[in-house]
């Protein structure tokens, strides 16, 4: 009976495949949890900012009260951080929440949704959830780097909504400004996911001042080390932000998350250390992977995509207590693997496990 009553869109929604947890691998392989290295979900290996933990503790004394509805204090701090007016910023329960609001706002059944595989699978899920019709323009695979295809310009004419990610997950490549600006000249809403922007050299957020069809989403989960509290934000024109605001759930961002994010923004030293750790670790991992004969793709994010000669490599690493992300769920073949940049010790553990596999 339930299947007859379900919306057709719900029946077609593909499940999201998350990275595997330390607890899951410890049970499956009978390994001590403290010996497992997780380099699969692009999390910050430094742990949360100390000030954010203290802010959560202080805010916990008031969890009997609803949170501040719009997060005014956080909006003010974000305005200073991104250089845009508060009226152009909206906070959400992780950037995934804000991506869904974009789909809610613009998609009706049959509308074209342009995606660029391999990329974050949630874009396809959102398209299915709201009745959209996926149009795929795959990234172009080069010898050392992926790139966005010029074919996007023609395909955008068939779409109402375009999801882009820069740096892209799982490939790590950046979007070219000239291509984005050309896309914004068309009649399509561009949703630009900048989850990893702190590790890159350029953000396109300032373009929302000049293009009312651009929405930029960001997160505190990566560089700011707050994946567990779920908080992100969007940047768009004041008019568009007002429409997105109508679609959010009441009190959608809890008071602990707001307090943690505000404290994280104030800790500039933690952010600097996070970025430096990633850039140093990226160089080390790229060098060591190439020594082992892997094909490594250039990345501007806190992870690297590489191609090995062994389809079972993620499984072999799991047996040795190292969790990485096989990329079959992204539509790549099983020899493509994504590894998050960890601490120096975690990176070494990963390389040692690789050497053992290929010995």
Protein backbone atom coordinates (compact mmCIF):
# COMPACT_ATOMS: atom_id res chain seq x y z
CA UNK A 1 0.00 0.00 0.00
CA UNK A 2 2.73 2.46 0.96
CA UNK A 3 4.34 2.27 -2.48
CA UNK A 4 1.05 3.22 -4.13
CA UNK A 5 0.80 6.31 -1.92
CA UNK A 6 4.38 7.51 -2.29
CA UNK A 7 5.17 10.37 -4.66
CA UNK A 8 6.79 9.09 -7.86
CA UNK A 9 9.75 11.42 -7.27
CA UNK A 10 10.47 9.73 -3.93
CA UNK A 11 10.56 6.30 -5.56
CA UNK A 12 13.23 7.51 -7.95
CA UNK A 13 15.52 9.18 -5.38
CA UNK A 14 18.88 7.36 -5.29
CA UNK A 15 20.27 6.77 -1.78
CA UNK A 16 23.18 8.88 -0.61
CA UNK A 17 26.29 6.76 0.02
CA UNK A 18 28.33 8.22 2.91
CA UNK A 19 31.91 7.35 3.79
CA UNK A 20 32.32 4.47 6.23
CA UNK A 21 32.79 5.24 9.92
CA UNK A 22 35.59 4.20 12.25
CA UNK A 23 33.11 2.28 14.43
CA UNK A 24 31.79 0.33 11.45
CA UNK A 25 35.27 -0.70 10.28
CA UNK A 26 36.38 -1.60 13.82
CA UNK A 27 33.46 -4.04 14.10
CA UNK A 28 33.81 -5.48 10.62
CA UNK A 29 37.57 -6.12 10.76
CA UNK A 30 37.98 -6.66 14.53
CA UNK A 31 40.38 -3.75 14.77
CA UNK A 32 40.89 -1.42 17.76
CA UNK A 33 39.08 1.84 16.93
CA UNK A 34 41.99 3.95 18.18
CA UNK A 35 44.27 2.32 15.60
CA UNK A 36 42.07 3.19 12.62
CA UNK A 37 42.90 6.18 10.40
CA UNK A 38 39.91 7.74 8.66
CA UNK A 39 40.83 9.59 5.47
CA UNK A 40 37.55 9.16 3.62
CA UNK A 41 35.20 12.06 4.42
CA UNK A 42 37.34 15.20 3.98
CA UNK A 43 37.08 16.08 7.68
CA UNK A 44 39.48 18.37 9.52
CA UNK A 45 42.11 16.19 11.27
CA UNK A 46 43.01 18.94 13.76
CA UNK A 47 39.77 18.43 15.66
CA UNK A 48 37.39 21.33 16.38
CA UNK A 49 38.68 24.80 17.28
CA UNK A 50 39.10 24.93 21.09
CA UNK A 51 37.12 28.16 21.28
CA UNK A 52 34.22 26.51 19.46
CA UNK A 53 34.09 23.70 22.02
CA UNK A 54 34.05 26.25 24.85
CA UNK A 55 31.28 28.20 23.09
CA UNK A 56 29.20 25.02 22.75
CA UNK A 57 29.57 24.36 26.48
CA UNK A 58 28.44 27.88 27.33
CA UNK A 59 25.52 27.76 24.90
CA UNK A 60 24.41 24.37 26.25
CA UNK A 61 23.13 26.10 29.38
CA UNK A 62 20.39 27.72 27.25
CA UNK A 63 19.22 24.81 25.10
CA UNK A 64 15.81 24.99 26.78
CA UNK A 65 15.27 28.09 24.63
CA UNK A 66 14.81 28.28 20.88
CA UNK A 67 17.87 29.54 18.98
CA UNK A 68 18.07 33.04 17.53
CA UNK A 69 15.94 32.61 14.37
CA UNK A 70 18.25 34.23 11.80
CA UNK A 71 21.56 33.99 13.65
CA UNK A 72 22.08 37.76 13.68
CA UNK A 73 25.45 37.69 15.47
CA UNK A 74 26.75 35.04 13.09
CA UNK A 75 25.43 36.93 10.05
CA UNK A 76 27.34 40.00 11.19
CA UNK A 77 30.56 38.01 11.58
CA UNK A 78 30.08 36.28 8.22
CA UNK A 79 29.49 39.65 6.55
CA UNK A 80 32.92 40.74 7.72
CA UNK A 81 34.47 37.43 6.64
CA UNK A 82 33.07 37.34 3.08
CA UNK A 83 32.73 41.08 2.45
CA UNK A 84 29.02 41.01 1.61
CA UNK A 85 26.02 42.61 3.35
CA UNK A 86 24.20 40.57 5.99
CA UNK A 87 21.08 40.71 3.82
CA UNK A 88 22.88 38.56 1.24
CA UNK A 89 23.69 35.76 3.71
CA UNK A 90 21.54 32.90 5.00
CA UNK A 91 22.67 30.25 7.47
CA UNK A 92 21.49 26.65 7.27
CA UNK A 93 21.74 23.21 8.85
CA UNK A 94 24.89 22.43 6.87
CA UNK A 95 25.33 23.54 3.27
CA UNK A 96 23.30 20.47 2.19
CA UNK A 97 20.27 22.16 3.77
CA UNK A 98 20.87 25.27 1.66
CA UNK A 99 21.39 23.22 -1.51
CA UNK A 100 17.99 21.67 -0.90
CA UNK A 101 16.41 25.10 -0.48
CA UNK A 102 17.72 25.99 -3.94
CA UNK A 103 16.04 22.91 -5.39
CA UNK A 104 12.81 23.71 -3.52
CA UNK A 105 12.80 27.26 -4.81
CA UNK A 106 13.32 26.57 -8.49
CA UNK A 107 12.47 23.02 -9.49
CA UNK A 108 9.16 21.79 -10.82
CA UNK A 109 8.57 18.41 -12.39
CA UNK A 110 10.46 18.06 -15.65
CA UNK A 111 12.77 21.06 -15.20
CA UNK A 112 16.32 20.53 -16.42
CA UNK A 113 19.06 20.22 -13.80
CA UNK A 114 22.60 20.42 -15.12
CA UNK A 115 25.31 18.48 -13.25
CA UNK A 116 28.95 17.75 -14.04
CA UNK A 117 29.92 14.19 -13.07
CA UNK A 118 31.99 13.03 -11.35
CA UNK A 119 30.77 15.36 -8.61
CA UNK A 120 28.93 15.44 -5.27
CA UNK A 121 26.12 12.90 -5.54
CA UNK A 122 23.63 14.97 -3.54
CA UNK A 123 22.99 17.21 -6.56
CA UNK A 124 21.49 14.27 -8.44
CA UNK A 125 19.49 13.26 -5.36
CA UNK A 126 18.00 16.75 -5.11
CA UNK A 127 17.10 16.76 -8.78
CA UNK A 128 15.24 13.45 -8.35
CA UNK A 129 13.61 14.55 -5.10
CA UNK A 130 12.00 17.59 -6.70
CA UNK A 131 11.12 16.06 -10.06
CA UNK A 132 13.98 17.52 -12.04
CA UNK A 133 15.44 16.02 -15.19
CA UNK A 134 19.21 15.51 -14.94
CA UNK A 135 21.35 16.76 -17.82
CA UNK A 136 24.94 15.58 -17.57
CA UNK A 137 27.99 17.35 -18.95
CA UNK A 138 30.91 15.28 -17.66
CA UNK A 139 34.16 16.85 -16.58
CA UNK A 140 37.03 16.50 -19.00
CA UNK A 141 39.72 14.17 -17.66
CA UNK A 142 43.22 15.37 -18.42
CA UNK A 143 46.49 13.64 -17.67
CA UNK A 144 47.04 15.64 -14.47
CA UNK A 145 43.81 17.52 -13.83
CA UNK A 146 40.10 17.47 -14.54
CA UNK A 147 38.40 20.52 -16.05
CA UNK A 148 34.89 21.79 -16.70
CA UNK A 149 33.72 21.40 -20.29
CA UNK A 150 32.83 24.29 -22.58
CA UNK A 151 29.81 22.14 -23.52
CA UNK A 152 28.18 23.52 -20.38
CA UNK A 153 27.42 26.71 -22.27
CA UNK A 154 25.19 24.94 -24.79
CA UNK A 155 23.63 22.55 -22.28
CA UNK A 156 22.71 25.40 -19.93
CA UNK A 157 20.06 26.48 -22.41
CA UNK A 158 18.11 23.31 -21.59
CA UNK A 159 18.38 23.72 -17.81
CA UNK A 160 16.73 25.79 -15.11
CA UNK A 161 19.25 24.95 -12.39
CA UNK A 162 22.97 24.26 -12.63
CA UNK A 163 24.96 22.70 -9.78
CA UNK A 164 28.71 23.37 -9.84
CA UNK A 165 31.34 22.58 -7.22
CA UNK A 166 34.65 24.45 -7.04
CA UNK A 167 36.98 22.95 -5.94
CA UNK A 168 35.06 19.97 -7.23
CA UNK A 169 34.51 16.84 -5.17
CA UNK A 170 36.07 14.28 -5.81
CA UNK A 171 38.41 15.66 -8.48
CA UNK A 172 39.74 18.78 -6.72
CA UNK A 173 39.74 20.99 -9.82
CA UNK A 174 38.65 24.63 -9.98
CA UNK A 175 36.06 26.34 -12.15
CA UNK A 176 37.38 28.95 -14.58
CA UNK A 177 36.05 32.45 -13.88
CA UNK A 178 35.50 33.17 -17.57
CA UNK A 179 33.33 30.06 -17.95
CA UNK A 180 31.27 30.92 -14.88
CA UNK A 181 30.71 34.48 -16.07
CA UNK A 182 29.51 33.23 -19.45
CA UNK A 183 27.12 30.82 -17.76
CA UNK A 184 25.73 33.62 -15.62
CA UNK A 185 24.79 35.57 -18.74
CA UNK A 186 22.20 32.90 -19.56
CA UNK A 187 18.74 32.26 -18.11
CA UNK A 188 19.80 29.60 -15.63
CA UNK A 189 20.25 29.66 -11.85
CA UNK A 190 23.82 28.70 -10.97
CA UNK A 191 24.34 27.09 -7.57
CA UNK A 192 28.06 27.12 -6.82
CA UNK A 193 29.17 24.86 -3.99
CA UNK A 194 32.33 26.29 -2.39
CA UNK A 195 32.61 23.79 0.46
CA UNK A 196 36.40 23.59 0.00
CA UNK A 197 37.10 27.19 -0.94
CA UNK A 198 39.37 27.97 2.03
CA UNK A 199 41.95 25.53 0.63
CA UNK A 200 41.86 27.10 -2.84
CA UNK A 201 43.19 30.34 -4.30
CA UNK A 202 39.97 31.97 -5.45
CA UNK A 203 36.34 32.42 -4.44
CA UNK A 204 33.57 33.56 -6.74
CA UNK A 205 31.39 34.88 -3.91
CA UNK A 206 31.88 38.57 -4.92
CA UNK A 207 30.03 37.86 -8.18
CA UNK A 208 26.71 37.68 -6.33
CA UNK A 209 26.84 41.49 -6.24
CA UNK A 210 26.44 41.57 -10.01
CA UNK A 211 24.46 38.43 -10.86
CA UNK A 212 21.07 37.75 -9.28
CA UNK A 213 21.08 34.20 -10.71
CA UNK A 214 24.11 33.06 -8.65
CA UNK A 215 23.89 31.30 -5.29
CA UNK A 216 27.14 30.36 -3.52
CA UNK A 217 26.99 27.79 -0.71
CA UNK A 218 29.69 27.25 1.91
CA UNK A 219 30.22 25.15 5.01
CA UNK A 220 31.91 25.12 8.42
CA UNK A 221 32.49 21.36 8.08
CA UNK A 222 35.89 21.43 6.37
CA UNK A 223 38.42 24.17 7.10
CA UNK A 224 36.62 25.22 10.30
CA UNK A 225 36.44 21.68 11.73
CA UNK A 226 32.73 21.66 12.64
CA UNK A 227 31.29 18.82 10.53
CA UNK A 228 29.52 17.32 13.55
CA UNK A 229 27.41 20.36 14.42
CA UNK A 230 26.06 20.86 10.87
CA UNK A 231 26.20 24.49 9.84
CA UNK A 232 26.69 26.23 6.52
CA UNK A 233 25.64 29.41 4.74
CA UNK A 234 24.60 30.73 1.35
CA UNK A 235 25.50 33.96 -0.45
CA UNK A 236 23.16 35.50 -3.01
CA UNK A 237 21.49 38.77 -3.92
CA UNK A 238 19.33 40.33 -1.24
CA UNK A 239 16.17 39.59 -3.23
CA UNK A 240 17.05 35.93 -3.81
CA UNK A 241 18.16 35.46 -0.19
CA UNK A 242 14.74 36.75 0.87
CA UNK A 243 13.01 34.07 -1.18
CA UNK A 244 15.26 31.31 0.17
CA UNK A 245 14.56 32.53 3.68
CA UNK A 246 10.85 31.79 3.18
CA UNK A 247 11.67 28.11 2.56
CA UNK A 248 13.81 27.36 5.59
CA UNK A 249 12.43 25.43 8.54
CA UNK A 250 11.74 27.53 11.66
CA UNK A 251 14.81 27.61 13.92
CA UNK A 252 16.69 25.38 11.48
CA UNK A 253 20.16 26.15 12.90
CA UNK A 254 20.51 25.16 16.53
CA UNK A 255 22.04 27.44 19.14
CA UNK A 256 25.09 25.21 19.71
CA UNK A 257 25.99 25.29 16.02
CA UNK A 258 25.57 29.07 15.86
CA UNK A 259 27.82 29.57 18.89
CA UNK A 260 30.46 27.18 17.54
CA UNK A 261 30.53 28.83 14.10
CA UNK A 262 30.86 32.30 15.60
CA UNK A 263 33.80 31.19 17.74
CA UNK A 264 35.42 29.40 14.78
CA UNK A 265 35.31 32.57 12.69
CA UNK A 266 37.13 34.43 15.45
CA UNK A 267 39.96 31.87 15.58
CA UNK A 268 42.06 33.01 12.64
CA UNK A 269 45.09 31.02 13.82
CA UNK A 270 43.16 27.74 13.72
CA UNK A 271 42.03 28.46 10.15
CA UNK A 272 45.59 29.31 9.12
CA UNK A 273 46.89 26.06 10.62
CA UNK A 274 44.16 24.05 8.90
CA UNK A 275 44.94 25.47 5.50
CA UNK A 276 48.70 25.10 5.92
CA UNK A 277 48.34 21.51 7.12
CA UNK A 278 46.30 20.64 4.03
CA UNK A 279 48.61 22.31 1.55
CA UNK A 280 51.69 20.66 3.09
CA UNK A 281 49.97 17.29 3.31
CA UNK A 282 48.72 17.51 -0.27
CA UNK A 283 52.26 17.96 -1.54
CA UNK A 284 53.55 15.06 0.54
CA UNK A 285 50.76 12.67 -0.48
CA UNK A 286 51.02 13.59 -4.14
CA UNK A 287 54.77 12.97 -4.13
CA UNK A 288 54.48 9.62 -2.31
CA UNK A 289 51.60 8.38 -4.46
CA UNK A 290 53.54 9.13 -7.61
CA UNK A 291 56.54 7.23 -6.25
CA UNK A 292 54.26 4.20 -5.95
CA UNK A 293 53.20 4.53 -9.58
CA UNK A 294 49.78 6.09 -9.00
CA UNK A 295 48.24 8.57 -11.37
CA UNK A 296 47.52 11.60 -9.17
CA UNK A 297 45.23 14.47 -10.13
CA UNK A 298 46.03 18.03 -9.12
CA UNK A 299 43.77 19.25 -6.29
CA UNK A 300 42.86 22.57 -4.69
CA UNK A 301 40.86 20.93 -1.87
CA UNK A 302 41.68 18.93 1.27
CA UNK A 303 41.81 15.63 -0.62
CA UNK A 304 43.49 14.00 -3.60
CA UNK A 305 42.00 11.80 -6.31
CA UNK A 306 44.31 9.11 -7.64
CA UNK A 307 44.08 6.05 -9.87
CA UNK A 308 45.71 2.78 -8.92
CA UNK A 309 46.19 -0.50 -10.78
CA UNK A 310 44.13 -2.37 -8.16
CA UNK A 311 40.33 -2.23 -8.07
CA UNK A 312 40.27 -3.70 -4.55
CA UNK A 313 42.63 -1.11 -3.07
CA UNK A 314 40.09 0.51 -0.67
CA UNK A 315 39.26 -2.93 0.74
CA UNK A 316 42.93 -3.82 1.14
CA UNK A 317 43.54 -0.59 3.03
CA UNK A 318 40.54 -1.23 5.28
CA UNK A 319 42.13 -4.50 6.38
CA UNK A 320 45.11 -2.43 7.49
CA UNK A 321 43.00 0.07 9.41
CA UNK A 322 43.02 2.90 6.85
CA UNK A 323 39.70 4.22 5.51
CA UNK A 324 39.73 5.93 2.09
CA UNK A 325 36.90 6.58 -0.36
CA UNK A 326 36.47 4.38 -3.40
CA UNK A 327 34.89 6.47 -6.14
CA UNK A 328 32.46 4.03 -7.75
CA UNK A 329 29.59 5.99 -6.14
CA UNK A 330 30.78 9.04 -8.09
CA UNK A 331 30.49 7.13 -11.36
CA UNK A 332 34.22 6.46 -11.72
CA UNK A 333 35.63 2.96 -12.06
CA UNK A 334 36.82 1.14 -8.96
CA UNK A 335 40.48 1.99 -9.48
CA UNK A 336 39.84 5.65 -8.67
CA UNK A 337 40.30 6.49 -5.00
CA UNK A 338 39.92 9.69 -3.00
CA UNK A 339 42.07 10.22 0.08
CA UNK A 340 41.56 13.08 2.52
CA UNK A 341 44.61 14.94 3.78
CA UNK A 342 45.22 14.06 7.42
CA UNK A 343 47.82 14.94 9.99
CA UNK A 344 51.44 14.18 9.16
CA UNK A 345 51.19 10.94 11.17
CA UNK A 346 47.94 9.89 9.49
CA UNK A 347 49.38 10.61 6.06
CA UNK A 348 52.40 8.46 6.87
CA UNK A 349 50.16 5.63 8.07
CA UNK A 350 48.31 5.75 4.77
CA UNK A 351 51.52 5.66 2.72
CA UNK A 352 52.91 2.78 4.81
CA UNK A 353 49.70 0.80 4.29
CA UNK A 354 49.92 1.43 0.55
CA UNK A 355 53.51 0.27 0.46
CA UNK A 356 52.48 -2.89 2.28
CA UNK A 357 49.67 -3.56 -0.20
CA UNK A 358 51.96 -3.19 -3.22
CA UNK A 359 55.01 -4.87 -1.69
